[in-house]
C-alpha atoms as a PDB file:
ATOM      1  CA  UNK A   1       0.129   0.073  -0.278  1.00  0.00           C
ATOM      2  CA  UNK A   2       1.247   3.496  -1.205  1.00  0.00           C
ATOM      3  CA  UNK A   3      -0.180   6.695  -0.098  1.00  0.00           C
ATOM      4  CA  UNK A   4       1.036  10.066  -1.517  1.00  0.00           C
ATOM      5  CA  UNK A   5      -0.904  13.112   0.269  1.00  0.00           C
ATOM      6  CA  UNK A   6      -0.718  15.223  -3.161  1.00  0.00           C
ATOM      7  CA  UNK A   7      -1.434  18.869  -4.338  1.00  0.00           C
ATOM      8  CA  UNK A   8      -2.269  17.877  -8.267  1.00  0.00           C
ATOM      9  CA  UNK A   9      -0.231  22.206  -8.430  1.00  0.00           C
ATOM     10  CA  UNK A  10       2.767  21.636  -7.401  1.00  0.00           C
ATOM     11  CA  UNK A  11       5.434  20.127  -9.670  1.00  0.00           C
ATOM     12  CA  UNK A  12       7.276  18.149  -7.221  1.00  0.00           C
ATOM     13  CA  UNK A  13       4.191  16.258  -6.217  1.00  0.00           C
ATOM     14  CA  UNK A  14       3.003  15.835  -9.774  1.00  0.00           C
ATOM     15  CA  UNK A  15       6.894  14.253 -10.139  1.00  0.00           C
ATOM     16  CA  UNK A  16       6.337  11.920  -7.043  1.00  0.00           C
ATOM     17  CA  UNK A  17       2.821  11.055  -8.844  1.00  0.00           C
ATOM     18  CA  UNK A  18       4.486   9.879 -11.836  1.00  0.00           C
ATOM     19  CA  UNK A  19       8.117   8.514  -9.821  1.00  0.00           C
ATOM     20  CA  UNK A  20       5.976   6.276  -7.923  1.00  0.00           C
ATOM     21  CA  UNK A  21       3.748   5.097 -10.758  1.00  0.00           C
ATOM     22  CA  UNK A  22       7.090   4.313 -12.804  1.00  0.00           C
ATOM     23  CA  UNK A  23       8.275   2.510  -9.810  1.00  0.00           C
ATOM     24  CA  UNK A  24       5.025   0.280 -10.307  1.00  0.00           C
ATOM     25  CA  UNK A  25       3.410   1.499  -7.632  1.00  0.00           C
ATOM     26  CA  UNK A  26      -0.777   2.365  -7.872  1.00  0.00           C
ATOM     27  CA  UNK A  27      -0.646   4.959  -4.983  1.00  0.00           C
ATOM     28  CA  UNK A  28      -3.824   5.898  -3.058  1.00  0.00           C
ATOM     29  CA  UNK A  29      -3.531   9.928  -3.394  1.00  0.00           C
ATOM     30  CA  UNK A  30      -4.792  12.347  -1.437  1.00  0.00           C
ATOM     31  CA  UNK A  31      -5.473  15.839  -2.268  1.00  0.00           C
ATOM     32  CA  UNK A  32      -4.851  16.848   0.724  1.00  0.00           C
ATOM     33  CA  UNK A  33      -6.107  20.516   0.626  1.00  0.00           C
ATOM     34  CA  UNK A  34      -9.422  19.030  -0.448  1.00  0.00           C
ATOM     35  CA  UNK A  35      -9.111  16.128   1.987  1.00  0.00           C
ATOM     36  CA  UNK A  36      -7.244  17.854   4.888  1.00  0.00           C
ATOM     37  CA  UNK A  37      -5.440  14.816   7.395  1.00  0.00           C
ATOM     38  CA  UNK A  38      -6.534  15.520  11.101  1.00  0.00           C
ATOM     39  CA  UNK A  39      -4.331  17.045  13.361  1.00  0.00           C
ATOM     40  CA  UNK A  40      -3.547  13.790  14.930  1.00  0.00           C
ATOM     41  CA  UNK A  41      -2.626  12.299  10.859  1.00  0.00           C
ATOM     42  CA  UNK A  42      -0.454  15.011  10.880  1.00  0.00           C
ATOM     43  CA  UNK A  43       1.467  14.644  13.422  1.00  0.00           C
ATOM     44  CA  UNK A  44       1.867  11.308  12.872  1.00  0.00           C
ATOM     45  CA  UNK A  45       3.116  11.828   9.359  1.00  0.00           C
ATOM     46  CA  UNK A  46       5.416  14.344  10.338  1.00  0.00           C
ATOM     47  CA  UNK A  47       7.060  12.180  13.720  1.00  0.00           C
ATOM     48  CA  UNK A  48       7.001   9.163  10.818  1.00  0.00           C
ATOM     49  CA  UNK A  49       9.095  11.076   8.392  1.00  0.00           C
ATOM     50  CA  UNK A  50      11.350  12.075  11.154  1.00  0.00           C
ATOM     51  CA  UNK A  51      10.867  15.369  11.309  1.00  0.00           C
ATOM     52  CA  UNK A  52       9.621  18.475  13.438  1.00  0.00           C
ATOM     53  CA  UNK A  53       6.492  20.284  12.734  1.00  0.00           C
ATOM     54  CA  UNK A  54       8.389  23.216  11.615  1.00  0.00           C
ATOM     55  CA  UNK A  55      10.577  21.149   9.071  1.00  0.00           C
ATOM     56  CA  UNK A  56       6.334  20.238   7.404  1.00  0.00           C
ATOM     57  CA  UNK A  57       5.635  23.663   7.007  1.00  0.00           C
ATOM     58  CA  UNK A  58       5.574  26.029   4.004  1.00  0.00           C
ATOM     59  CA  UNK A  59       7.288  29.265   5.830  1.00  0.00           C
ATOM     60  CA  UNK A  60       6.185  31.177   2.156  1.00  0.00           C
ATOM     61  CA  UNK A  61       3.038  31.252   2.557  1.00  0.00           C
ATOM     62  CA  UNK A  62       0.686  33.934   3.089  1.00  0.00           C
ATOM     63  CA  UNK A  63      -1.207  32.166   6.310  1.00  0.00           C
ATOM     64  CA  UNK A  64       2.111  31.700   8.095  1.00  0.00           C
ATOM     65  CA  UNK A  65       3.168  35.832   8.292  1.00  0.00           C
ATOM     66  CA  UNK A  66      -0.886  36.652   9.204  1.00  0.00           C
ATOM     67  CA  UNK A  67      -1.145  34.082  11.950  1.00  0.00           C
ATOM     68  CA  UNK A  68       1.981  35.301  13.216  1.00  0.00           C
ATOM     69  CA  UNK A  69       3.654  31.718  13.165  1.00  0.00           C
ATOM     70  CA  UNK A  70       7.784  32.166  12.969  1.00  0.00           C
ATOM     71  CA  UNK A  71       8.136  31.322  16.431  1.00  0.00           C
ATOM     72  CA  UNK A  72       4.651  29.460  17.495  1.00  0.00           C
ATOM     73  CA  UNK A  73       5.540  26.266  19.058  1.00  0.00           C
ATOM     74  CA  UNK A  74       5.571  22.536  17.432  1.00  0.00           C
ATOM     75  CA  UNK A  75       1.793  21.807  19.074  1.00  0.00           C
ATOM     76  CA  UNK A  76       0.913  25.785  17.234  1.00  0.00           C
ATOM     77  CA  UNK A  77       2.707  24.726  14.327  1.00  0.00           C
ATOM     78  CA  UNK A  78       0.578  21.662  14.268  1.00  0.00           C
ATOM     79  CA  UNK A  79      -3.223  23.413  15.039  1.00  0.00           C
ATOM     80  CA  UNK A  80      -2.043  26.135  12.562  1.00  0.00           C
ATOM     81  CA  UNK A  81      -1.878  23.447   9.549  1.00  0.00           C
ATOM     82  CA  UNK A  82      -4.634  21.230  10.586  1.00  0.00           C
ATOM     83  CA  UNK A  83      -6.735  24.328   9.979  1.00  0.00           C
ATOM     84  CA  UNK A  84      -4.631  26.218   6.658  1.00  0.00           C
ATOM     85  CA  UNK A  85      -4.058  22.821   5.123  1.00  0.00           C
ATOM     86  CA  UNK A  86      -2.218  24.543   2.977  1.00  0.00           C
ATOM     87  CA  UNK A  87       0.263  25.452   5.474  1.00  0.00           C
ATOM     88  CA  UNK A  88       1.822  21.936   4.706  1.00  0.00           C
ATOM     89  CA  UNK A  89       4.167  20.837   3.032  1.00  0.00           C
ATOM     90  CA  UNK A  90       3.518  18.698   0.163  1.00  0.00           C
ATOM     91  CA  UNK A  91       4.470  15.802  -0.615  1.00  0.00           C
ATOM     92  CA  UNK A  92       4.015  13.026   1.650  1.00  0.00           C
ATOM     93  CA  UNK A  93       4.921   9.816   0.741  1.00  0.00           C
ATOM     94  CA  UNK A  94       3.986   6.718   3.275  1.00  0.00           C
ATOM     95  CA  UNK A  95       4.656   3.082   2.215  1.00  0.00           C
ATOM     96  CA  UNK A  96       4.605  -0.071   4.443  1.00  0.00           C
ATOM     97  CA  UNK A  97       8.718   0.644   4.385  1.00  0.00           C
ATOM     98  CA  UNK A  98       8.281   3.670   6.216  1.00  0.00           C
ATOM     99  CA  UNK A  99       6.866   7.856   5.277  1.00  0.00           C
ATOM    100  CA  UNK A 100       9.089  10.250   3.618  1.00  0.00           C
ATOM    101  CA  UNK A 101       8.506  13.966   2.593  1.00  0.00           C
ATOM    102  CA  UNK A 102       9.177  14.116  -0.873  1.00  0.00           C
ATOM    103  CA  UNK A 103      12.063  16.437  -0.472  1.00  0.00           C
ATOM    104  CA  UNK A 104      13.790  16.828  -2.366  1.00  0.00           C
ATOM    105  CA  UNK A 105      11.947  13.542  -4.558  1.00  0.00           C
ATOM    106  CA  UNK A 106      14.754  11.267  -3.967  1.00  0.00           C
ATOM    107  CA  UNK A 107      14.603  10.698  -0.911  1.00  0.00           C
ATOM    108  CA  UNK A 108      11.307   8.745  -1.312  1.00  0.00           C
ATOM    109  CA  UNK A 109      13.906   5.939  -2.745  1.00  0.00           C
ATOM    110  CA  UNK A 110      13.931   5.139   0.549  1.00  0.00           C
ATOM    111  CA  UNK A 111      10.196   3.627   1.220  1.00  0.00           C
ATOM    112  CA  UNK A 112       9.636   1.958  -2.484  1.00  0.00           C
END
């Protein structure tokens, strides 16, 4: 089973999806802006990928500055990402071998 938390407008996400398909995977595609993960699911994805919430948040999104998240705690960052999924960095890929944030895309090789 392979799952990708995907944003079709993102070239990295599209390229990662293609990489999975080229590797013979038929991933479950979750467009996380339409079907966002719960806060608990998000915390699990981030933890399982070996990241902190700060490493998994998109700091260049306007809402990041609007919410004043520069000095936020990990818990506050998780709350913000759960409430504003545009803040979630992408794509996250989950396989039976683990979870990775595909930045760079090659990091997914570790779990294929």
